[in-house]
Amino acid sequence: MPYQRPTLQEVVDRILSDFASRIDNASTFLRRSVYKVLSRVVGGVAHGLYGYINFIKDQMFISTADAEFLERHGAEYGINKDAGTKATGTVALSGTTGVSISAQTQLQSATGNIYRTDAAATLVGGVISVAITATEYGNDYNEDAGVTLTFLSPILYVNSDATVDSNGLTGGVDPQSNSDYREAILTRKRRPPHGGTKTDYEVWAKEYSGVTRAWAIEQYYGIGTVGLAFVFDDDADSIFPDDAERQAVRDYIESHTDPITGKTVGIPVTADPGFIMIDTEALSVNLTVQIYPNTSAIQAAAITKLTELINQDGGPEISVRLSRLSESISATADEQYHKITSPVADITSTAKQVHVIGDITFEDYT
């Protein structure tokens, strides 16, 4: 039988009953009697202790621990929460030649994001390019080329506007959410390292900052080879890695260190040179759905549900089932009934494809 925390009144009544059972000829207590006062005072203390026990019980398990205790569980497995990365880039400034701009000078975007200059600089020929870094971690701090930033504190003889160069402000990645961090610890607990199994490669890849999903494909080029694909779901520009990012993840895995001992582990000796980074591309999941009621609110909610399902079930050499897609639409609030008219078969990807949400066309149910 599961433990049930007693209510405050139940604790008070229990203490009062204990008093009554231990006092001769005690049939009732006056409302303001010492025993009733003591019952409430001691009951309040006991009820607080019951609450603390209930709290500690939740912290004992990874699945229910709060953020602080979750990090303690993670530390025992050598899994640290990914703090994310800060966006960086370069801006062009103009003004009077010879004017200096100090390091850590703050600039602000139209959305309120704050950036700081990385180093001191002096205008030459009236212009200069200055490297800047966001003050906070996250994808929201990435900006397109040509965006204008302004100084928080104007500098004499320097134009207040700074223009982001052609490379934009990039590299900002959101900190790992508590739910993703919890899942990473649970995965490590459920699937301990086995010296280079399929799961090991997927776990190693997701240890790299920003990687949210990964798939290892056994015998990708035959016996003794393994292929690895991964994506950055929180990257606003593209979830698919470029050549440099694939190489960075490969380098990380090849020099992988044991989080507990700190010793370099790397990949199994039998895997190199058979360890291949897969250059993936999008496989759009396009649907035509007849739905009732066919409202914009239900459409938006259904797309959210479909996106979650595709991110959960999709990946290389995987079939996203129509039945699962239909199930996710049925879970949409206020949806009453629907049918998927296109496609008519499950959507199966190749080893180089990852499912992504495509064009979703909604029609009135007929």
Protein backbone atom coordinates (compact mmCIF):
# COMPACT_ATOMS: atom_id res chain seq x y z
CA MET A 1 0.00 0.00 0.00
CA PRO A 2 1.49 3.41 -0.96
CA TYR A 3 2.46 5.87 1.72
CA GLN A 4 -0.11 8.61 2.30
CA ARG A 5 0.89 11.77 4.11
CA PRO A 6 -1.72 12.51 6.82
CA THR A 7 -3.45 15.88 6.77
CA LEU A 8 -2.82 18.44 9.49
CA GLN A 9 -6.24 17.76 11.02
CA GLU A 10 -5.58 14.02 11.06
CA VAL A 11 -2.31 14.57 12.94
CA VAL A 12 -3.97 16.91 15.45
CA ASP A 13 -6.85 14.49 16.02
CA ARG A 14 -4.40 11.61 16.50
CA ILE A 15 -2.42 13.53 19.16
CA LEU A 16 -5.61 14.61 20.92
CA SER A 17 -6.78 11.00 20.93
CA ASP A 18 -3.46 9.94 22.47
CA PHE A 19 -3.95 12.51 25.25
CA ALA A 20 -7.47 11.25 25.89
CA SER A 21 -6.35 7.62 26.09
CA ARG A 22 -3.72 8.42 28.70
CA ILE A 23 -5.76 10.70 31.00
CA ASP A 24 -8.13 9.11 33.50
CA ASN A 25 -11.81 9.96 33.09
CA ALA A 26 -11.12 12.17 30.05
CA SER A 27 -14.27 12.10 27.96
CA THR A 28 -14.05 15.53 26.32
CA PHE A 29 -11.68 18.49 26.25
CA LEU A 30 -12.72 22.11 26.43
CA ARG A 31 -12.07 24.11 23.28
CA ARG A 32 -9.25 26.14 24.84
CA SER A 33 -7.88 23.43 27.09
CA VAL A 34 -4.12 22.97 27.38
CA TYR A 35 -4.37 19.58 25.69
CA LYS A 36 -6.12 20.98 22.62
CA VAL A 37 -3.55 23.77 22.34
CA LEU A 38 -0.70 21.29 22.66
CA SER A 39 -2.33 19.02 20.08
CA ARG A 40 -2.39 21.84 17.53
CA VAL A 41 1.16 23.00 18.29
CA VAL A 42 2.74 19.55 18.23
CA GLY A 43 0.53 18.55 15.28
CA GLY A 44 1.83 21.50 13.27
CA VAL A 45 5.43 20.47 13.90
CA ALA A 46 4.73 16.83 13.07
CA HIS A 47 2.87 17.76 9.90
CA GLY A 48 5.88 19.80 8.75
CA LEU A 49 8.15 16.82 9.37
CA TYR A 50 5.82 14.59 7.37
CA GLY A 51 6.12 17.13 4.55
CA TYR A 52 9.90 17.05 4.70
CA ILE A 53 9.88 13.24 4.60
CA ASN A 54 7.63 13.44 1.54
CA PHE A 55 10.05 15.91 -0.07
CA ILE A 56 13.09 13.73 0.65
CA LYS A 57 11.28 10.72 -0.79
CA ASP A 58 10.92 12.57 -4.12
CA GLN A 59 14.60 13.58 -4.13
CA MET A 60 15.71 9.96 -3.76
CA PHE A 61 14.64 9.14 -7.31
CA ILE A 62 15.85 10.63 -10.58
CA SER A 63 12.35 10.61 -12.04
CA THR A 64 10.95 12.92 -9.31
CA ALA A 65 13.95 14.89 -8.03
CA ASP A 66 13.95 18.70 -8.13
CA ALA A 67 16.55 20.57 -10.20
CA GLU A 68 19.14 20.88 -7.41
CA PHE A 69 18.97 17.23 -6.40
CA LEU A 70 18.76 16.16 -10.03
CA GLU A 71 22.23 17.64 -10.54
CA ARG A 72 23.45 15.62 -7.56
CA HIS A 73 22.17 12.43 -9.19
CA GLY A 74 23.83 13.46 -12.44
CA ALA A 75 27.14 14.14 -10.71
CA GLU A 76 27.21 10.58 -9.39
CA TYR A 77 27.19 9.37 -13.01
CA GLY A 78 29.55 12.09 -14.18
CA ILE A 79 26.79 13.77 -16.18
CA ASN A 80 26.81 17.54 -15.94
CA LYS A 81 23.94 19.69 -17.09
CA ASP A 82 24.72 21.40 -20.39
CA ALA A 83 24.84 25.14 -19.68
CA GLY A 84 24.45 25.98 -23.36
CA THR A 85 26.66 28.37 -25.30
CA LYS A 86 26.74 32.10 -25.93
CA ALA A 87 26.29 33.65 -29.35
CA THR A 88 29.35 35.33 -30.82
CA GLY A 89 30.11 37.40 -33.88
CA THR A 90 31.50 40.67 -35.18
CA VAL A 91 29.99 44.13 -35.56
CA ALA A 92 31.15 47.08 -37.64
CA LEU A 93 31.54 50.45 -35.89
CA SER A 94 32.22 53.88 -37.29
CA GLY A 95 33.31 57.18 -35.85
CA THR A 96 36.32 59.41 -35.42
CA THR A 97 39.75 57.89 -36.03
CA GLY A 98 41.72 57.30 -32.84
CA VAL A 99 38.73 56.93 -30.53
CA SER A 100 39.03 53.83 -28.34
CA ILE A 101 36.30 51.42 -27.33
CA SER A 102 36.87 49.54 -24.10
CA ALA A 103 36.54 45.83 -23.60
CA GLN A 104 33.21 44.70 -22.12
CA THR A 105 31.39 47.67 -23.65
CA GLN A 106 27.72 46.75 -23.84
CA LEU A 107 25.49 46.84 -26.90
CA GLN A 108 21.81 46.05 -27.13
CA SER A 109 19.57 44.63 -29.86
CA ALA A 110 16.04 45.80 -30.63
CA THR A 111 14.74 42.75 -28.73
CA GLY A 112 16.67 43.71 -25.59
CA ASN A 113 19.51 41.20 -25.86
CA ILE A 114 22.79 42.46 -24.38
CA TYR A 115 26.24 41.81 -25.88
CA ARG A 116 29.75 42.82 -24.77
CA THR A 117 32.85 43.61 -26.78
CA ASP A 118 35.54 40.96 -26.31
CA ALA A 119 38.55 43.30 -26.32
CA ALA A 120 39.49 46.95 -26.48
CA ALA A 121 39.73 48.45 -29.97
CA THR A 122 40.65 51.75 -31.62
CA LEU A 123 39.02 53.16 -34.74
CA VAL A 124 41.36 53.36 -37.73
CA GLY A 125 40.21 55.27 -40.80
CA GLY A 126 36.91 55.91 -39.06
CA VAL A 127 35.83 52.27 -38.94
CA ILE A 128 36.59 49.08 -37.06
CA SER A 129 35.26 45.53 -36.67
CA VAL A 130 34.83 44.37 -33.09
CA ALA A 131 34.18 40.85 -31.81
CA ILE A 132 31.26 40.59 -29.37
CA THR A 133 29.75 37.89 -27.18
CA ALA A 134 26.26 37.60 -25.75
CA THR A 135 25.92 38.13 -22.01
CA GLU A 136 23.61 35.13 -21.64
CA TYR A 137 23.37 31.63 -23.04
CA GLY A 138 20.73 30.72 -25.57
CA ASN A 139 19.45 30.53 -29.09
CA ASP A 140 17.52 33.80 -28.71
CA TYR A 141 20.83 35.70 -28.86
CA ASN A 142 21.62 34.57 -32.41
CA GLU A 143 21.07 37.37 -34.94
CA ASP A 144 21.11 37.68 -38.72
CA ALA A 145 23.65 39.67 -40.70
CA GLY A 146 22.82 43.35 -40.99
CA VAL A 147 21.00 43.62 -37.67
CA THR A 148 21.66 46.87 -35.86
CA LEU A 149 22.87 47.00 -32.25
CA THR A 150 23.17 50.16 -30.18
CA PHE A 151 25.44 51.15 -27.31
CA LEU A 152 23.82 51.07 -23.88
CA SER A 153 26.01 54.04 -22.94
CA PRO A 154 26.83 56.31 -25.91
CA ILE A 155 30.51 56.88 -26.66
CA LEU A 156 31.61 60.35 -27.70
CA TYR A 157 32.59 60.54 -31.40
CA VAL A 158 31.40 56.99 -32.10
CA ASN A 159 28.17 56.37 -34.00
CA SER A 160 25.62 54.75 -31.70
CA ASP A 161 24.65 52.06 -34.25
CA ALA A 162 26.74 48.93 -34.77
CA THR A 163 25.98 46.59 -37.68
CA VAL A 164 26.34 42.82 -37.44
CA ASP A 165 28.64 41.60 -40.22
CA SER A 166 27.83 39.06 -42.94
CA ASN A 167 28.45 36.06 -40.68
CA GLY A 168 25.75 37.08 -38.22
CA LEU A 169 25.77 36.33 -34.50
CA THR A 170 25.80 32.56 -34.16
CA GLY A 171 26.57 29.70 -31.82
CA GLY A 172 24.04 30.50 -29.12
CA VAL A 173 22.50 27.30 -27.73
CA ASP A 174 19.84 27.11 -25.02
CA PRO A 175 20.80 25.54 -21.69
CA GLN A 176 19.69 21.94 -21.32
CA SER A 177 16.17 21.73 -19.95
CA ASN A 178 15.52 19.85 -16.73
CA SER A 179 13.42 17.28 -18.61
CA ASP A 180 16.20 16.58 -21.13
CA TYR A 181 18.79 16.43 -18.35
CA ARG A 182 16.60 14.03 -16.37
CA GLU A 183 16.23 11.83 -19.45
CA ALA A 184 20.01 11.80 -19.99
CA ILE A 185 20.61 10.58 -16.41
CA LEU A 186 17.85 7.96 -16.67
CA THR A 187 19.32 6.76 -19.97
CA ARG A 188 22.74 6.39 -18.35
CA LYS A 189 21.22 4.46 -15.46
CA ARG A 190 19.11 2.20 -17.66
CA ARG A 191 21.79 1.67 -20.29
CA PRO A 192 25.24 1.59 -18.69
CA PRO A 193 28.26 1.67 -21.06
CA HIS A 194 29.04 -1.62 -22.76
CA GLY A 195 32.31 -0.88 -24.51
CA GLY A 196 30.97 0.39 -27.81
CA THR A 197 27.41 -0.83 -28.34
CA LYS A 198 24.91 1.02 -30.49
CA THR A 199 23.53 2.83 -27.45
CA ASP A 200 27.02 3.90 -26.34
CA TYR A 201 27.61 5.88 -29.53
CA GLU A 202 24.25 7.61 -29.20
CA VAL A 203 24.93 8.54 -25.57
CA TRP A 204 28.44 9.80 -26.39
CA ALA A 205 27.11 11.99 -29.19
CA LYS A 206 24.46 13.55 -26.95
CA GLU A 207 27.12 14.47 -24.41
CA TYR A 208 28.38 17.04 -26.93
CA SER A 209 26.89 20.48 -26.28
CA GLY A 210 23.79 21.13 -28.38
CA VAL A 211 23.23 17.58 -29.67
CA THR A 212 19.69 16.61 -28.75
CA ARG A 213 19.11 13.37 -30.72
CA ALA A 214 21.50 10.79 -32.12
CA TRP A 215 21.25 7.48 -33.96
CA ALA A 216 23.91 4.82 -34.41
CA ILE A 217 23.55 2.41 -37.33
CA GLU A 218 25.27 -0.93 -36.99
CA GLN A 219 27.27 -2.30 -39.94
CA TYR A 220 26.68 0.93 -41.84
CA TYR A 221 29.32 0.00 -44.44
CA GLY A 222 29.46 -3.67 -43.56
CA ILE A 223 30.89 -5.73 -40.73
CA GLY A 224 33.06 -3.75 -38.34
CA THR A 225 31.57 -0.34 -39.20
CA VAL A 226 29.17 1.96 -37.41
CA GLY A 227 27.43 5.07 -38.72
CA LEU A 228 26.42 7.97 -36.49
CA ALA A 229 23.84 10.66 -37.23
CA PHE A 230 22.72 13.45 -34.92
CA VAL A 231 20.81 16.73 -34.92
CA PHE A 232 20.68 20.04 -33.05
CA ASP A 233 16.96 20.54 -32.40
CA ASP A 234 17.50 23.88 -30.66
CA ASP A 235 19.45 25.43 -33.54
CA ALA A 236 17.13 27.99 -35.16
CA ASP A 237 19.04 28.00 -38.46
CA SER A 238 19.23 24.26 -39.12
CA ILE A 239 18.97 21.18 -36.97
CA PHE A 240 21.40 19.38 -39.28
CA PRO A 241 25.14 19.64 -38.55
CA ASP A 242 27.63 20.93 -41.07
CA ASP A 243 31.02 19.35 -41.84
CA ALA A 244 32.75 21.22 -39.01
CA GLU A 245 30.14 20.18 -36.44
CA ARG A 246 30.27 16.54 -37.55
CA GLN A 247 34.05 16.60 -37.21
CA ALA A 248 33.79 18.23 -33.79
CA VAL A 249 31.47 15.49 -32.53
CA ARG A 250 33.73 12.84 -34.03
CA ASP A 251 36.75 14.37 -32.30
CA TYR A 252 34.85 14.45 -29.02
CA ILE A 253 33.87 10.78 -29.23
CA GLU A 254 37.34 9.67 -30.30
CA SER A 255 38.86 11.47 -27.31
CA HIS A 256 35.99 10.57 -25.00
CA THR A 257 36.95 10.51 -21.34
CA ASP A 258 35.39 8.52 -18.56
CA PRO A 259 33.43 11.09 -16.48
CA ILE A 260 34.33 9.35 -13.24
CA THR A 261 38.01 8.51 -13.67
CA GLY A 262 38.86 11.25 -16.15
CA LYS A 263 40.83 8.76 -18.27
CA THR A 264 40.63 8.88 -22.06
CA VAL A 265 38.40 6.07 -23.27
CA GLY A 266 37.77 6.90 -26.92
CA ILE A 267 36.04 4.51 -29.27
CA PRO A 268 36.66 0.75 -29.38
CA VAL A 269 39.84 -0.03 -31.31
CA THR A 270 37.85 -2.20 -33.72
CA ALA A 271 35.66 0.73 -34.74
CA ASP A 272 38.36 2.86 -36.36
CA PRO A 273 38.43 3.47 -39.33
CA GLY A 274 34.93 2.01 -39.52
CA PHE A 275 33.36 4.90 -37.57
CA ILE A 276 31.47 7.04 -40.09
CA MET A 277 29.71 10.35 -39.49
CA ILE A 278 26.52 10.39 -41.58
CA ASP A 279 25.65 13.52 -43.56
CA THR A 280 21.91 13.66 -42.95
CA GLU A 281 19.16 15.61 -44.68
CA ALA A 282 15.51 16.33 -43.99
CA LEU A 283 12.69 14.00 -44.93
CA SER A 284 9.61 16.22 -44.79
CA VAL A 285 6.49 14.63 -43.40
CA ASN A 286 3.70 16.23 -45.47
CA LEU A 287 0.14 15.44 -44.47
CA THR A 288 -3.35 16.20 -45.67
CA VAL A 289 -5.80 15.92 -42.78
CA GLN A 290 -9.56 16.18 -42.75
CA ILE A 291 -10.50 17.37 -39.29
CA TYR A 292 -13.49 18.52 -37.26
CA PRO A 293 -13.76 21.19 -36.02
CA ASN A 294 -11.43 22.76 -38.58
CA THR A 295 -10.37 25.88 -36.65
CA SER A 296 -7.06 27.73 -36.63
CA ALA A 297 -6.56 27.01 -32.91
CA ILE A 298 -7.03 23.26 -33.38
CA GLN A 299 -4.78 23.31 -36.45
CA ALA A 300 -1.97 25.00 -34.51
CA ALA A 301 -2.35 22.57 -31.59
CA ALA A 302 -2.39 19.58 -33.94
CA ILE A 303 0.82 20.75 -35.64
CA THR A 304 2.47 21.03 -32.22
CA LYS A 305 1.42 17.47 -31.37
CA LEU A 306 2.59 16.19 -34.76
CA THR A 307 5.97 17.91 -34.38
CA GLU A 308 6.48 16.33 -30.96
CA LEU A 309 5.60 12.90 -32.34
CA ILE A 310 7.87 13.21 -35.38
CA ASN A 311 10.79 14.35 -33.19
CA GLN A 312 10.17 11.42 -30.89
CA ASP A 313 9.64 8.67 -33.47
CA GLY A 314 11.63 9.93 -36.46
CA GLY A 315 15.22 9.29 -37.49
CA PRO A 316 17.42 7.41 -39.98
CA GLU A 317 16.16 4.01 -41.15
CA ILE A 318 12.95 4.45 -39.17
CA SER A 319 9.30 4.36 -40.18
CA VAL A 320 6.98 6.99 -38.75
CA ARG A 321 3.68 5.15 -38.55
CA LEU A 322 0.47 6.72 -39.81
CA SER A 323 -1.31 5.23 -36.81
CA ARG A 324 1.04 7.15 -34.49
CA LEU A 325 0.49 10.38 -36.43
CA SER A 326 -3.25 9.88 -36.20
CA GLU A 327 -2.95 9.16 -32.49
CA SER A 328 -1.11 12.45 -31.91
CA ILE A 329 -3.84 14.39 -33.75
CA SER A 330 -6.47 12.66 -31.60
CA ALA A 331 -4.63 13.94 -28.51
CA THR A 332 -5.23 17.53 -29.65
CA ALA A 333 -7.51 19.45 -27.31
CA ASP A 334 -11.07 20.00 -28.67
CA GLU A 335 -10.49 17.78 -31.73
CA GLN A 336 -13.47 15.48 -32.19
CA TYR A 337 -12.56 13.35 -35.19
CA HIS A 338 -10.30 13.33 -38.23
CA LYS A 339 -8.74 11.20 -40.94
CA ILE A 340 -5.40 11.41 -42.73
CA THR A 341 -6.04 11.29 -46.47
CA SER A 342 -2.41 11.66 -47.57
CA PRO A 343 -0.04 9.89 -47.43
CA VAL A 344 -1.58 6.42 -47.36
CA ALA A 345 1.49 4.56 -46.08
CA ASP A 346 4.04 4.92 -43.30
CA ILE A 347 6.90 7.38 -43.97
CA THR A 348 10.20 5.47 -44.02
CA SER A 349 13.57 7.19 -44.09
CA THR A 350 16.93 6.11 -45.46
CA ALA A 351 20.13 6.03 -43.41
CA LYS A 352 20.79 9.63 -44.47
CA GLN A 353 17.36 11.07 -43.70
CA VAL A 354 15.74 12.42 -40.56
CA HIS A 355 12.01 13.07 -40.41
CA VAL A 356 10.94 16.70 -39.95
CA ILE A 357 7.53 18.32 -39.91
CA GLY A 358 6.56 19.39 -43.41
CA ASP A 359 3.46 20.96 -44.95
CA ILE A 360 0.31 20.08 -43.05
CA THR A 361 -2.86 20.78 -45.04
CA PHE A 362 -6.12 20.82 -43.10
CA GLU A 363 -9.48 20.30 -44.79
CA ASP A 364 -13.04 20.14 -43.57
CA TYR A 365 -14.09 16.62 -42.62
CA THR A 366 -16.30 15.01 -45.24
